[in-house]
C-alpha atoms as a PDB file:
ATOM      1  CA  MET A   1      37.253  36.201   7.032  1.00  0.00           C
ATOM      2  CA  GLN A   2      39.708  35.253   4.323  1.00  0.00           C
ATOM      3  CA  ASP A   3      36.864  35.110   1.782  1.00  0.00           C
ATOM      4  CA  ILE A   4      35.903  38.687   2.689  1.00  0.00           C
ATOM      5  CA  LEU A   5      39.511  39.751   2.170  1.00  0.00           C
ATOM      6  CA  PHE A   6      39.855  37.976  -1.178  1.00  0.00           C
ATOM      7  CA  ASP A   7      36.538  39.406  -2.404  1.00  0.00           C
ATOM      8  CA  PHE A   8      37.808  42.891  -1.550  1.00  0.00           C
ATOM      9  CA  ILE A   9      41.162  42.328  -3.278  1.00  0.00           C
ATOM     10  CA  SER A  10      39.414  40.964  -6.398  1.00  0.00           C
ATOM     11  CA  LYS A  11      37.975  44.443  -6.985  1.00  0.00           C
ATOM     12  CA  TYR A  12      41.535  45.571  -7.749  1.00  0.00           C
ATOM     13  CA  VAL A  13      43.551  42.550  -8.901  1.00  0.00           C
ATOM     14  CA  SER A  14      43.008  38.831  -9.409  1.00  0.00           C
ATOM     15  CA  LEU A  15      45.035  36.478  -7.241  1.00  0.00           C
ATOM     16  CA  THR A  16      46.403  33.048  -8.025  1.00  0.00           C
ATOM     17  CA  GLU A  17      46.211  30.296  -5.398  1.00  0.00           C
ATOM     18  CA  GLU A  18      49.945  30.784  -4.777  1.00  0.00           C
ATOM     19  CA  GLU A  19      49.395  34.484  -4.053  1.00  0.00           C
ATOM     20  CA  LYS A  20      46.447  33.745  -1.770  1.00  0.00           C
ATOM     21  CA  ASN A  21      48.501  31.199   0.162  1.00  0.00           C
ATOM     22  CA  ALA A  22      51.429  33.607   0.437  1.00  0.00           C
ATOM     23  CA  LEU A  23      49.112  36.248   1.845  1.00  0.00           C
ATOM     24  CA  LEU A  24      47.580  33.819   4.332  1.00  0.00           C
ATOM     25  CA  SER A  25      51.038  32.646   5.441  1.00  0.00           C
ATOM     26  CA  LEU A  26      51.746  36.133   6.823  1.00  0.00           C
ATOM     27  CA  ASP A  27      49.360  35.594   9.773  1.00  0.00           C
ATOM     28  CA  LEU A  28      47.647  38.942   9.223  1.00  0.00           C
ATOM     29  CA  PHE A  29      44.295  38.261  10.939  1.00  0.00           C
ATOM     30  CA  HIS A  30      43.976  39.629  14.482  1.00  0.00           C
ATOM     31  CA  SER A  31      41.002  40.005  16.819  1.00  0.00           C
ATOM     32  CA  ALA A  32      40.772  43.027  19.105  1.00  0.00           C
ATOM     33  CA  LYS A  33      38.196  43.667  21.814  1.00  0.00           C
ATOM     34  CA  LYS A  34      36.213  46.869  22.160  1.00  0.00           C
ATOM     35  CA  GLY A  35      38.356  49.372  24.042  1.00  0.00           C
ATOM     36  CA  THR A  36      41.691  47.962  22.849  1.00  0.00           C
ATOM     37  CA  ILE A  37      44.197  50.729  22.193  1.00  0.00           C
ATOM     38  CA  LEU A  38      46.190  49.728  19.133  1.00  0.00           C
ATOM     39  CA  LEU A  39      48.494  52.753  19.181  1.00  0.00           C
ATOM     40  CA  LYS A  40      49.195  55.375  21.835  1.00  0.00           C
ATOM     41  CA  GLU A  41      50.516  58.901  21.579  1.00  0.00           C
ATOM     42  CA  GLY A  42      54.294  58.796  22.012  1.00  0.00           C
ATOM     43  CA  GLN A  43      54.563  55.178  20.882  1.00  0.00           C
ATOM     44  CA  LYS A  44      56.510  53.936  17.873  1.00  0.00           C
ATOM     45  CA  SER A  45      54.892  51.364  15.626  1.00  0.00           C
ATOM     46  CA  GLN A  46      55.249  49.992  12.136  1.00  0.00           C
ATOM     47  CA  GLU A  47      51.786  48.448  12.065  1.00  0.00           C
ATOM     48  CA  ASN A  48      49.064  49.209   9.517  1.00  0.00           C
ATOM     49  CA  TYR A  49      45.451  48.217  10.114  1.00  0.00           C
ATOM     50  CA  PHE A  50      42.719  47.123   7.743  1.00  0.00           C
ATOM     51  CA  VAL A  51      39.258  46.581   9.217  1.00  0.00           C
ATOM     52  CA  LEU A  52      37.506  43.389   8.168  1.00  0.00           C
ATOM     53  CA  LYS A  53      34.875  43.683  10.894  1.00  0.00           C
ATOM     54  CA  GLY A  54      34.318  46.357  13.526  1.00  0.00           C
ATOM     55  CA  CYS A  55      35.305  49.984  13.925  1.00  0.00           C
ATOM     56  CA  ILE A  56      38.466  51.791  14.953  1.00  0.00           C
ATOM     57  CA  ARG A  57      38.883  55.428  15.860  1.00  0.00           C
ATOM     58  CA  VAL A  58      41.771  57.887  15.560  1.00  0.00           C
ATOM     59  CA  TYR A  59      41.931  60.616  18.176  1.00  0.00           C
ATOM     60  CA  TYR A  60      44.258  63.142  19.766  1.00  0.00           C
ATOM     61  CA  ILE A  61      44.253  64.322  23.352  1.00  0.00           C
ATOM     62  CA  VAL A  62      44.352  68.114  23.411  1.00  0.00           C
ATOM     63  CA  ASP A  63      44.307  69.889  26.773  1.00  0.00           C
ATOM     64  CA  GLY A  64      43.008  66.699  28.391  1.00  0.00           C
ATOM     65  CA  GLU A  65      40.130  66.349  25.912  1.00  0.00           C
ATOM     66  CA  GLU A  66      39.759  63.677  23.204  1.00  0.00           C
ATOM     67  CA  LYS A  67      39.511  65.071  19.668  1.00  0.00           C
ATOM     68  CA  THR A  68      38.330  62.425  17.208  1.00  0.00           C
ATOM     69  CA  THR A  69      39.581  62.843  13.654  1.00  0.00           C
ATOM     70  CA  ALA A  70      38.523  59.617  11.930  1.00  0.00           C
ATOM     71  CA  PHE A  71      36.548  56.394  12.102  1.00  0.00           C
ATOM     72  CA  TYR A  72      37.456  53.343  10.054  1.00  0.00           C
ATOM     73  CA  THR A  73      34.934  50.569   9.485  1.00  0.00           C
ATOM     74  CA  GLU A  74      34.693  47.489   7.282  1.00  0.00           C
ATOM     75  CA  MET A  75      36.967  47.463   4.251  1.00  0.00           C
ATOM     76  CA  GLU A  76      38.859  50.595   5.310  1.00  0.00           C
ATOM     77  CA  GLY A  77      42.473  50.816   6.294  1.00  0.00           C
ATOM     78  CA  VAL A  78      44.644  53.166   8.253  1.00  0.00           C
ATOM     79  CA  THR A  79      48.393  53.566   8.108  1.00  0.00           C
ATOM     80  CA  PRO A  80      49.524  55.711  11.049  1.00  0.00           C
ATOM     81  CA  HIS A  81      52.030  58.416  10.141  1.00  0.00           C
ATOM     82  CA  CYS A  82      54.536  56.961  12.588  1.00  0.00           C
ATOM     83  CA  ALA A  83      54.555  53.678  10.634  1.00  0.00           C
ATOM     84  CA  ILE A  84      55.715  55.538   7.528  1.00  0.00           C
ATOM     85  CA  ASN A  85      58.003  58.153   9.094  1.00  0.00           C
ATOM     86  CA  GLU A  86      59.423  55.925  11.850  1.00  0.00           C
ATOM     87  CA  THR A  87      58.611  58.605  14.404  1.00  0.00           C
ATOM     88  CA  TYR A  88      56.542  58.668  17.579  1.00  0.00           C
ATOM     89  CA  SER A  89      52.788  58.723  17.187  1.00  0.00           C
ATOM     90  CA  GLU A  90      51.008  62.002  17.868  1.00  0.00           C
ATOM     91  CA  TYR A  91      47.628  60.313  18.348  1.00  0.00           C
ATOM     92  CA  TYR A  92      45.771  57.222  19.497  1.00  0.00           C
ATOM     93  CA  VAL A  93      44.145  54.431  17.477  1.00  0.00           C
ATOM     94  CA  SER A  94      41.586  52.348  19.358  1.00  0.00           C
ATOM     95  CA  CYS A  95      38.797  49.851  18.764  1.00  0.00           C
ATOM     96  CA  ILE A  96      35.320  51.115  19.563  1.00  0.00           C
ATOM     97  CA  GLU A  97      33.804  47.743  18.706  1.00  0.00           C
ATOM     98  CA  ASP A  98      35.074  44.178  18.849  1.00  0.00           C
ATOM     99  CA  SER A  99      37.080  44.045  15.632  1.00  0.00           C
ATOM    100  CA  ILE A 100      38.805  41.683  13.254  1.00  0.00           C
ATOM    101  CA  LEU A 101      41.754  43.429  11.668  1.00  0.00           C
ATOM    102  CA  LEU A 102      44.464  42.703   9.186  1.00  0.00           C
ATOM    103  CA  VAL A 103      47.663  43.906  10.807  1.00  0.00           C
ATOM    104  CA  SER A 104      50.710  44.304   8.601  1.00  0.00           C
ATOM    105  CA  ASN A 105      53.931  46.290   8.500  1.00  0.00           C
ATOM    106  CA  SER A 106      56.190  47.779   5.857  1.00  0.00           C
ATOM    107  CA  ASP A 107      58.537  44.757   5.864  1.00  0.00           C
ATOM    108  CA  MET A 108      55.627  42.489   4.927  1.00  0.00           C
ATOM    109  CA  GLY A 109      54.643  44.934   2.195  1.00  0.00           C
ATOM    110  CA  VAL A 110      58.134  45.018   0.728  1.00  0.00           C
ATOM    111  CA  GLU A 111      58.331  41.214   0.787  1.00  0.00           C
ATOM    112  CA  MET A 112      54.930  40.739  -0.870  1.00  0.00           C
ATOM    113  CA  ASN A 113      55.533  43.478  -3.443  1.00  0.00           C
ATOM    114  CA  SER A 114      58.861  41.965  -4.473  1.00  0.00           C
ATOM    115  CA  LYS A 115      57.400  38.448  -4.810  1.00  0.00           C
ATOM    116  CA  PHE A 116      54.099  39.550  -6.346  1.00  0.00           C
ATOM    117  CA  PRO A 117      54.235  42.952  -8.122  1.00  0.00           C
ATOM    118  CA  LYS A 118      50.454  43.105  -8.484  1.00  0.00           C
ATOM    119  CA  PHE A 119      50.216  43.751  -4.715  1.00  0.00           C
ATOM    120  CA  GLU A 120      52.155  46.958  -5.254  1.00  0.00           C
ATOM    121  CA  ILE A 121      49.702  47.956  -7.996  1.00  0.00           C
ATOM    122  CA  MET A 122      46.754  47.255  -5.691  1.00  0.00           C
ATOM    123  CA  CYS A 123      48.337  49.192  -2.803  1.00  0.00           C
ATOM    124  CA  ARG A 124      48.976  52.160  -5.086  1.00  0.00           C
ATOM    125  CA  MET A 125      45.350  52.112  -6.263  1.00  0.00           C
ATOM    126  CA  LEU A 126      44.081  51.923  -2.677  1.00  0.00           C
ATOM    127  CA  SER A 127      46.396  54.764  -1.617  1.00  0.00           C
ATOM    128  CA  GLU A 128      45.206  56.971  -4.465  1.00  0.00           C
ATOM    129  CA  GLU A 129      41.556  56.305  -3.577  1.00  0.00           C
ATOM    130  CA  LEU A 130      42.176  57.007   0.102  1.00  0.00           C
ATOM    131  CA  LEU A 131      44.068  60.233  -0.610  1.00  0.00           C
ATOM    132  CA  ALA A 132      41.310  61.518  -2.912  1.00  0.00           C
ATOM    133  CA  LYS A 133      38.653  60.649  -0.316  1.00  0.00           C
ATOM    134  CA  LYS A 134      40.595  62.331   2.487  1.00  0.00           C
ATOM    135  CA  ILE A 135      41.031  65.527   0.457  1.00  0.00           C
ATOM    136  CA  ILE A 136      37.304  65.666  -0.330  1.00  0.00           C
ATOM    137  CA  ASP A 137      36.377  64.935   3.309  1.00  0.00           C
ATOM    138  CA  PHE A 138      38.787  67.600   4.591  1.00  0.00           C
ATOM    139  CA  ASP A 139      37.520  70.225   2.148  1.00  0.00           C
ATOM    140  CA  GLU A 140      33.873  69.452   2.996  1.00  0.00           C
ATOM    141  CA  PHE A 141      34.637  69.684   6.709  1.00  0.00           C
ATOM    142  CA  LYS A 142      36.384  73.050   6.358  1.00  0.00           C
ATOM    143  CA  ILE A 143      33.580  74.697   4.391  1.00  0.00           C
ATOM    144  CA  SER A 144      30.618  73.157   6.248  1.00  0.00           C
ATOM    145  CA  SER A 145      28.707  74.286   9.303  1.00  0.00           C
ATOM    146  CA  PRO A 146      28.261  71.731  12.119  1.00  0.00           C
ATOM    147  CA  GLU A 147      24.720  71.080  10.864  1.00  0.00           C
ATOM    148  CA  GLN A 148      25.970  70.472   7.322  1.00  0.00           C
ATOM    149  CA  ARG A 149      28.686  68.154   8.682  1.00  0.00           C
ATOM    150  CA  TYR A 150      26.068  66.120  10.530  1.00  0.00           C
ATOM    151  CA  LEU A 151      23.777  65.984   7.481  1.00  0.00           C
ATOM    152  CA  ASN A 152      26.730  64.909   5.301  1.00  0.00           C
ATOM    153  CA  LEU A 153      27.509  62.169   7.820  1.00  0.00           C
ATOM    154  CA  LEU A 154      23.862  61.047   7.787  1.00  0.00           C
ATOM    155  CA  GLN A 155      23.966  60.857   4.004  1.00  0.00           C
ATOM    156  CA  LYS A 156      27.404  59.298   3.485  1.00  0.00           C
ATOM    157  CA  ARG A 157      27.980  57.232   6.649  1.00  0.00           C
ATOM    158  CA  PRO A 158      24.599  56.601   8.333  1.00  0.00           C
ATOM    159  CA  ASP A 159      26.014  53.464   9.977  1.00  0.00           C
ATOM    160  CA  LEU A 160      28.261  55.635  12.158  1.00  0.00           C
ATOM    161  CA  ILE A 161      25.261  57.364  13.755  1.00  0.00           C
ATOM    162  CA  GLN A 162      24.186  54.025  15.270  1.00  0.00           C
ATOM    163  CA  ARG A 163      27.654  52.638  16.002  1.00  0.00           C
ATOM    164  CA  ILE A 164      29.510  55.547  17.566  1.00  0.00           C
ATOM    165  CA  PRO A 165      28.934  56.964  21.066  1.00  0.00           C
ATOM    166  CA  GLN A 166      27.454  60.454  20.840  1.00  0.00           C
ATOM    167  CA  TYR A 167      30.382  62.172  22.592  1.00  0.00           C
ATOM    168  CA  GLN A 168      32.817  60.694  20.024  1.00  0.00           C
ATOM    169  CA  LEU A 169      30.522  61.653  17.167  1.00  0.00           C
ATOM    170  CA  ALA A 170      30.307  65.208  18.509  1.00  0.00           C
ATOM    171  CA  SER A 171      34.096  65.391  18.778  1.00  0.00           C
ATOM    172  CA  TYR A 172      34.419  64.161  15.190  1.00  0.00           C
ATOM    173  CA  LEU A 173      32.009  66.880  14.034  1.00  0.00           C
ATOM    174  CA  GLY A 174      33.960  69.507  15.987  1.00  0.00           C
ATOM    175  CA  ILE A 175      31.198  70.311  18.503  1.00  0.00           C
ATOM    176  CA  LYS A 176      30.246  69.528  22.103  1.00  0.00           C
ATOM    177  CA  PRO A 177      27.837  66.629  22.861  1.00  0.00           C
ATOM    178  CA  GLN A 178      25.191  69.104  24.085  1.00  0.00           C
ATOM    179  CA  SER A 179      25.419  70.967  20.777  1.00  0.00           C
ATOM    180  CA  LEU A 180      24.971  67.710  18.899  1.00  0.00           C
ATOM    181  CA  SER A 181      21.817  66.948  20.900  1.00  0.00           C
ATOM    182  CA  ARG A 182      20.393  70.401  20.075  1.00  0.00           C
ATOM    183  CA  LEU A 183      21.398  70.057  16.436  1.00  0.00           C
ATOM    184  CA  LYS A 184      19.680  66.647  16.137  1.00  0.00           C
ATOM    185  CA  ALA A 185      16.527  68.046  17.768  1.00  0.00           C
ATOM    186  CA  ARG A 186      16.529  71.027  15.376  1.00  0.00           C
ATOM    187  CA  ILE A 187      16.902  68.741  12.340  1.00  0.00           C
ATOM    188  CA  LEU A 188      14.121  66.477  13.612  1.00  0.00           C
ATOM    189  CA  GLU A 189      11.881  69.504  14.169  1.00  0.00           C
ATOM    190  CA  LYS A 190      12.549  70.744  10.617  1.00  0.00           C
ATOM    191  CA  SER A 191      11.716  67.323   9.158  1.00  0.00           C
ATOM    192  CA  THR A 192       8.324  67.205  10.929  1.00  0.00           C
ATOM    193  CA  GLU A 193       7.235  70.670   9.762  1.00  0.00           C
END
C-alpha cells in the first residue's frame, strides 16, 4: 500500500527517502471492514480520511431517512467539516466496502508541513483540485434532471454503478430506489431503439 501512496504523491511532489520514512512513521494506514462507521452525527473528530482501497460514503439522516451526499473511492480524500471547525459532525461517514485508509489529523499535518514544506504545497494543490471538482459537481447536480444525473454518473464514475447498493445510489441522485429502477429501464429502452 505504501507504493500506491508514494506513486500518488509523486504526481504532485517528489519525496526523499527521509520524507518517505517520516510519513511512514506516522502510522497512517488503517483497515476498516464494510459497514464500519468512521464518524457519526453528533460526534467530534479530528480525523481525515484518504482512500487507498475501498469506498466510503457520506450521508445525513433526515426525518429518519439516509441522504447520501458523496462517495469516495481510491485516491480520494475527505476531511469532515468537524475536523476543521472543531465542532460536532452533522453527518455520518461509513465504509461501504472493506477499505484501506490513510487516517490523519491536523496535528500530524502541522508537524509534517513544518518539517517538510513540500507537503503543505501538495496539500494546497489537492485542496484546490477538490474544491474545483466539488463546485463543478454541485453545479451539474443543481441544473440536471435525475436522468441527466444518472447519465453523468455513468460517464464519469461508472465504477460506482457496480459498487454501490441501488438504494444508496438513488439517494445520491436525489430520487427514490423505485424511480431509479424506472429510469434505468427507460434508458435501456432508449438505447435498444
